[in-house]
């Protein structure tokens, strides 16, 4: 290796090491900036646990790393900083994204199916099971219809004398 090539490779390696050691603003995108007041931050975290991540759908925005969840956390903190109460923050977010964003949607006419649907399905299933189990089972031998006169005579003979009669 020539001396110039060695210098070039060392300068490229040094530039790579420096670029890895210095944090860039893009690397900090996923980190939330907590509120300076610990009481307000505790309120924000409590609200975060009540809101559903619209991307993950089964996590709160407090547990999610999705970009939209981060945006919602920032929005919650902004609303708290503006002086909104917890209810006002939740109403604001639900007004923007619908009741579905709430992990515990309110009980009203629009969400009645969400609350009563599972119980109704369970009751319908239990009713169907009881109906099926209580229904008399048809004997396959009797399913062909009533006995003919010959079959009746044979049955009476068997009942009177036993099976040995032919």
C-alpha atoms as a PDB file:
ATOM      1  CA  UNK A   1       0.000   0.000   0.000  1.00  0.00           C
ATOM      2  CA  UNK A   2       1.163   3.397  -0.834  1.00  0.00           C
ATOM      3  CA  UNK A   3       1.466   6.121   1.702  1.00  0.00           C
ATOM      4  CA  UNK A   4      -1.324   8.232   0.103  1.00  0.00           C
ATOM      5  CA  UNK A   5      -3.764   5.305   0.072  1.00  0.00           C
ATOM      6  CA  UNK A   6      -3.022   4.616   3.735  1.00  0.00           C
ATOM      7  CA  UNK A   7      -3.702   8.268   4.643  1.00  0.00           C
ATOM      8  CA  UNK A   8      -6.935   8.250   2.661  1.00  0.00           C
ATOM      9  CA  UNK A   9      -8.205   5.075   4.414  1.00  0.00           C
ATOM     10  CA  UNK A  10      -7.271   6.481   7.840  1.00  0.00           C
ATOM     11  CA  UNK A  11      -9.122   9.734   7.135  1.00  0.00           C
ATOM     12  CA  UNK A  12     -12.240   7.821   5.961  1.00  0.00           C
ATOM     13  CA  UNK A  13     -12.131   5.654   9.114  1.00  0.00           C
ATOM     14  CA  UNK A  14     -11.747   8.755  11.323  1.00  0.00           C
ATOM     15  CA  UNK A  15     -14.674  10.494   9.600  1.00  0.00           C
ATOM     16  CA  UNK A  16     -16.858   7.399  10.123  1.00  0.00           C
ATOM     17  CA  UNK A  17     -15.900   7.190  13.796  1.00  0.00           C
ATOM     18  CA  UNK A  18     -16.703  10.872  14.364  1.00  0.00           C
ATOM     19  CA  UNK A  19     -20.059  10.630  12.570  1.00  0.00           C
ATOM     20  CA  UNK A  20     -21.059   7.653  14.729  1.00  0.00           C
ATOM     21  CA  UNK A  21     -19.982   9.323  17.964  1.00  0.00           C
ATOM     22  CA  UNK A  22     -21.890  12.598  17.419  1.00  0.00           C
ATOM     23  CA  UNK A  23     -25.650  12.179  17.880  1.00  0.00           C
ATOM     24  CA  UNK A  24     -27.738  13.529  15.061  1.00  0.00           C
ATOM     25  CA  UNK A  25     -31.139  15.196  15.524  1.00  0.00           C
ATOM     26  CA  UNK A  26     -32.774  12.401  13.490  1.00  0.00           C
ATOM     27  CA  UNK A  27     -31.705   9.813  16.064  1.00  0.00           C
ATOM     28  CA  UNK A  28     -33.743  11.551  18.785  1.00  0.00           C
ATOM     29  CA  UNK A  29     -37.094  11.475  16.971  1.00  0.00           C
ATOM     30  CA  UNK A  30     -38.476   8.518  18.983  1.00  0.00           C
ATOM     31  CA  UNK A  31     -37.682  10.079  22.373  1.00  0.00           C
ATOM     32  CA  UNK A  32     -40.435  12.017  24.131  1.00  0.00           C
ATOM     33  CA  UNK A  33     -39.582  15.197  25.951  1.00  0.00           C
ATOM     34  CA  UNK A  34     -41.291  14.983  29.360  1.00  0.00           C
ATOM     35  CA  UNK A  35     -42.949  17.994  30.902  1.00  0.00           C
ATOM     36  CA  UNK A  36     -40.791  19.888  33.426  1.00  0.00           C
ATOM     37  CA  UNK A  37     -43.466  19.690  36.139  1.00  0.00           C
ATOM     38  CA  UNK A  38     -43.601  16.107  37.514  1.00  0.00           C
ATOM     39  CA  UNK A  39     -47.280  16.459  38.458  1.00  0.00           C
ATOM     40  CA  UNK A  40     -48.224  17.477  34.905  1.00  0.00           C
ATOM     41  CA  UNK A  41     -46.052  14.678  33.498  1.00  0.00           C
ATOM     42  CA  UNK A  42     -47.823  12.148  35.749  1.00  0.00           C
ATOM     43  CA  UNK A  43     -51.180  13.424  34.444  1.00  0.00           C
ATOM     44  CA  UNK A  44     -49.942  13.108  30.862  1.00  0.00           C
ATOM     45  CA  UNK A  45     -48.737   9.528  31.464  1.00  0.00           C
ATOM     46  CA  UNK A  46     -52.093   8.616  33.035  1.00  0.00           C
ATOM     47  CA  UNK A  47     -53.885   9.976  29.948  1.00  0.00           C
ATOM     48  CA  UNK A  48     -51.445   8.138  27.653  1.00  0.00           C
ATOM     49  CA  UNK A  49     -52.543   4.860  29.259  1.00  0.00           C
ATOM     50  CA  UNK A  50     -56.192   5.622  28.399  1.00  0.00           C
ATOM     51  CA  UNK A  51     -55.591   6.208  24.679  1.00  0.00           C
ATOM     52  CA  UNK A  52     -55.280   3.471  22.044  1.00  0.00           C
ATOM     53  CA  UNK A  53     -52.443   3.537  19.544  1.00  0.00           C
ATOM     54  CA  UNK A  54     -54.126   3.861  16.151  1.00  0.00           C
ATOM     55  CA  UNK A  55     -51.301   1.922  14.490  1.00  0.00           C
ATOM     56  CA  UNK A  56     -50.801  -0.923  16.982  1.00  0.00           C
ATOM     57  CA  UNK A  57     -54.521  -1.037  17.896  1.00  0.00           C
ATOM     58  CA  UNK A  58     -54.032  -3.161  20.985  1.00  0.00           C
ATOM     59  CA  UNK A  59     -51.603  -0.986  22.924  1.00  0.00           C
ATOM     60  CA  UNK A  60     -51.890   2.301  24.668  1.00  0.00           C
ATOM     61  CA  UNK A  61     -49.911   5.197  23.267  1.00  0.00           C
ATOM     62  CA  UNK A  62     -47.813   4.960  26.446  1.00  0.00           C
ATOM     63  CA  UNK A  63     -46.574   1.493  25.405  1.00  0.00           C
ATOM     64  CA  UNK A  64     -46.267   2.082  21.661  1.00  0.00           C
ATOM     65  CA  UNK A  65     -43.195   3.157  19.699  1.00  0.00           C
ATOM     66  CA  UNK A  66     -45.201   4.076  16.581  1.00  0.00           C
ATOM     67  CA  UNK A  67     -44.764   7.567  15.178  1.00  0.00           C
ATOM     68  CA  UNK A  68     -48.467   8.358  15.477  1.00  0.00           C
ATOM     69  CA  UNK A  69     -48.442   7.302  19.133  1.00  0.00           C
ATOM     70  CA  UNK A  70     -45.536   9.684  19.716  1.00  0.00           C
ATOM     71  CA  UNK A  71     -47.488  12.471  17.997  1.00  0.00           C
ATOM     72  CA  UNK A  72     -50.476  11.790  20.237  1.00  0.00           C
ATOM     73  CA  UNK A  73     -48.260  11.858  23.335  1.00  0.00           C
ATOM     74  CA  UNK A  74     -46.896  15.244  22.228  1.00  0.00           C
ATOM     75  CA  UNK A  75     -50.452  16.477  21.602  1.00  0.00           C
ATOM     76  CA  UNK A  76     -51.563  15.351  25.069  1.00  0.00           C
ATOM     77  CA  UNK A  77     -48.633  17.183  26.660  1.00  0.00           C
ATOM     78  CA  UNK A  78     -49.425  20.313  24.636  1.00  0.00           C
ATOM     79  CA  UNK A  79     -53.064  20.260  25.757  1.00  0.00           C
ATOM     80  CA  UNK A  80     -52.045  19.801  29.404  1.00  0.00           C
ATOM     81  CA  UNK A  81     -49.575  22.677  29.083  1.00  0.00           C
ATOM     82  CA  UNK A  82     -52.407  24.843  27.707  1.00  0.00           C
ATOM     83  CA  UNK A  83     -54.335  24.169  30.924  1.00  0.00           C
ATOM     84  CA  UNK A  84     -56.860  21.540  29.754  1.00  0.00           C
ATOM     85  CA  UNK A  85     -58.236  19.123  32.340  1.00  0.00           C
ATOM     86  CA  UNK A  86     -57.860  15.373  31.831  1.00  0.00           C
ATOM     87  CA  UNK A  87     -61.450  15.132  30.579  1.00  0.00           C
ATOM     88  CA  UNK A  88     -60.939  18.006  28.145  1.00  0.00           C
ATOM     89  CA  UNK A  89     -57.798  16.362  26.742  1.00  0.00           C
ATOM     90  CA  UNK A  90     -59.611  13.049  26.263  1.00  0.00           C
ATOM     91  CA  UNK A  91     -62.608  14.825  24.693  1.00  0.00           C
ATOM     92  CA  UNK A  92     -60.295  16.726  22.338  1.00  0.00           C
ATOM     93  CA  UNK A  93     -58.502  13.562  21.178  1.00  0.00           C
ATOM     94  CA  UNK A  94     -61.772  11.585  20.891  1.00  0.00           C
ATOM     95  CA  UNK A  95     -63.325  14.451  18.950  1.00  0.00           C
ATOM     96  CA  UNK A  96     -60.467  14.311  16.497  1.00  0.00           C
ATOM     97  CA  UNK A  97     -60.093  10.511  16.160  1.00  0.00           C
ATOM     98  CA  UNK A  98     -63.443   9.149  17.380  1.00  0.00           C
ATOM     99  CA  UNK A  99     -64.336   7.122  20.472  1.00  0.00           C
ATOM    100  CA  UNK A 100     -62.335   4.213  19.112  1.00  0.00           C
ATOM    101  CA  UNK A 101     -59.108   5.931  20.227  1.00  0.00           C
ATOM    102  CA  UNK A 102     -60.234   5.525  23.852  1.00  0.00           C
ATOM    103  CA  UNK A 103     -59.251   2.202  25.412  1.00  0.00           C
ATOM    104  CA  UNK A 104     -62.477   2.363  27.466  1.00  0.00           C
ATOM    105  CA  UNK A 105     -65.102   3.905  25.179  1.00  0.00           C
ATOM    106  CA  UNK A 106     -68.066   5.584  26.891  1.00  0.00           C
ATOM    107  CA  UNK A 107     -71.378   3.736  27.212  1.00  0.00           C
ATOM    108  CA  UNK A 108     -73.803   5.499  24.864  1.00  0.00           C
ATOM    109  CA  UNK A 109     -76.090   4.608  21.967  1.00  0.00           C
ATOM    110  CA  UNK A 110     -73.221   4.490  19.456  1.00  0.00           C
ATOM    111  CA  UNK A 111     -71.080   2.146  21.569  1.00  0.00           C
ATOM    112  CA  UNK A 112     -73.897   0.017  22.984  1.00  0.00           C
ATOM    113  CA  UNK A 113     -73.028  -2.823  20.609  1.00  0.00           C
ATOM    114  CA  UNK A 114     -69.424  -2.794  21.847  1.00  0.00           C
ATOM    115  CA  UNK A 115     -70.539  -3.155  25.447  1.00  0.00           C
ATOM    116  CA  UNK A 116     -73.518  -5.495  25.069  1.00  0.00           C
ATOM    117  CA  UNK A 117     -72.464  -7.447  21.964  1.00  0.00           C
ATOM    118  CA  UNK A 118     -70.287 -10.068  23.707  1.00  0.00           C
ATOM    119  CA  UNK A 119     -72.936 -10.754  26.361  1.00  0.00           C
ATOM    120  CA  UNK A 120     -75.663 -11.041  23.693  1.00  0.00           C
ATOM    121  CA  UNK A 121     -73.568 -13.496  21.685  1.00  0.00           C
ATOM    122  CA  UNK A 122     -72.901 -15.550  24.811  1.00  0.00           C
ATOM    123  CA  UNK A 123     -76.611 -15.687  25.683  1.00  0.00           C
ATOM    124  CA  UNK A 124     -77.563 -16.645  22.121  1.00  0.00           C
ATOM    125  CA  UNK A 125     -74.963 -19.427  22.122  1.00  0.00           C
ATOM    126  CA  UNK A 126     -76.182 -20.738  25.473  1.00  0.00           C
ATOM    127  CA  UNK A 127     -79.790 -20.675  24.251  1.00  0.00           C
ATOM    128  CA  UNK A 128     -78.847 -22.576  21.113  1.00  0.00           C
ATOM    129  CA  UNK A 129     -76.943 -25.169  23.157  1.00  0.00           C
ATOM    130  CA  UNK A 130     -79.894 -25.679  25.522  1.00  0.00           C
ATOM    131  CA  UNK A 131     -82.290 -26.016  22.571  1.00  0.00           C
ATOM    132  CA  UNK A 132     -80.110 -28.586  20.854  1.00  0.00           C
ATOM    133  CA  UNK A 133     -79.489 -30.580  24.029  1.00  0.00           C
ATOM    134  CA  UNK A 134     -83.165 -30.654  25.104  1.00  0.00           C
ATOM    135  CA  UNK A 135     -84.475 -31.739  21.706  1.00  0.00           C
ATOM    136  CA  UNK A 136     -85.526 -35.402  21.777  1.00  0.00           C
ATOM    137  CA  UNK A 137     -83.284 -37.558  19.694  1.00  0.00           C
ATOM    138  CA  UNK A 138     -84.987 -39.575  16.988  1.00  0.00           C
ATOM    139  CA  UNK A 139     -84.311 -43.316  17.082  1.00  0.00           C
ATOM    140  CA  UNK A 140     -83.052 -44.264  13.609  1.00  0.00           C
ATOM    141  CA  UNK A 141     -84.987 -47.557  13.710  1.00  0.00           C
ATOM    142  CA  UNK A 142     -88.268 -45.737  14.417  1.00  0.00           C
ATOM    143  CA  UNK A 143     -87.623 -43.054  11.858  1.00  0.00           C
ATOM    144  CA  UNK A 144     -89.142 -45.172   9.049  1.00  0.00           C
ATOM    145  CA  UNK A 145     -92.721 -44.659  10.275  1.00  0.00           C
ATOM    146  CA  UNK A 146     -95.398 -46.637  12.156  1.00  0.00           C
ATOM    147  CA  UNK A 147     -95.346 -50.450  12.350  1.00  0.00           C
ATOM    148  CA  UNK A 148     -97.145 -52.474   9.743  1.00  0.00           C
ATOM    149  CA  UNK A 149     -99.701 -55.104  10.815  1.00  0.00           C
ATOM    150  CA  UNK A 150     -97.183 -57.916  10.286  1.00  0.00           C
ATOM    151  CA  UNK A 151     -94.576 -56.110  12.391  1.00  0.00           C
ATOM    152  CA  UNK A 152     -97.127 -55.555  15.166  1.00  0.00           C
ATOM    153  CA  UNK A 153     -98.135 -59.210  15.181  1.00  0.00           C
ATOM    154  CA  UNK A 154     -94.483 -60.249  15.330  1.00  0.00           C
ATOM    155  CA  UNK A 155     -93.857 -57.783  18.211  1.00  0.00           C
ATOM    156  CA  UNK A 156     -96.835 -59.070  20.207  1.00  0.00           C
ATOM    157  CA  UNK A 157     -95.671 -62.639  19.719  1.00  0.00           C
ATOM    158  CA  UNK A 158     -92.172 -61.771  20.883  1.00  0.00           C
ATOM    159  CA  UNK A 159     -93.459 -59.959  23.943  1.00  0.00           C
ATOM    160  CA  UNK A 160     -95.738 -62.856  24.956  1.00  0.00           C
ATOM    161  CA  UNK A 161     -93.442 -65.808  24.344  1.00  0.00           C
ATOM    162  CA  UNK A 162     -89.913 -64.429  24.246  1.00  0.00           C
ATOM    163  CA  UNK A 163     -87.402 -64.346  21.425  1.00  0.00           C
ATOM    164  CA  UNK A 164     -87.264 -68.105  20.845  1.00  0.00           C
ATOM    165  CA  UNK A 165     -90.542 -68.070  18.871  1.00  0.00           C
ATOM    166  CA  UNK A 166     -90.118 -68.049  15.131  1.00  0.00           C
END
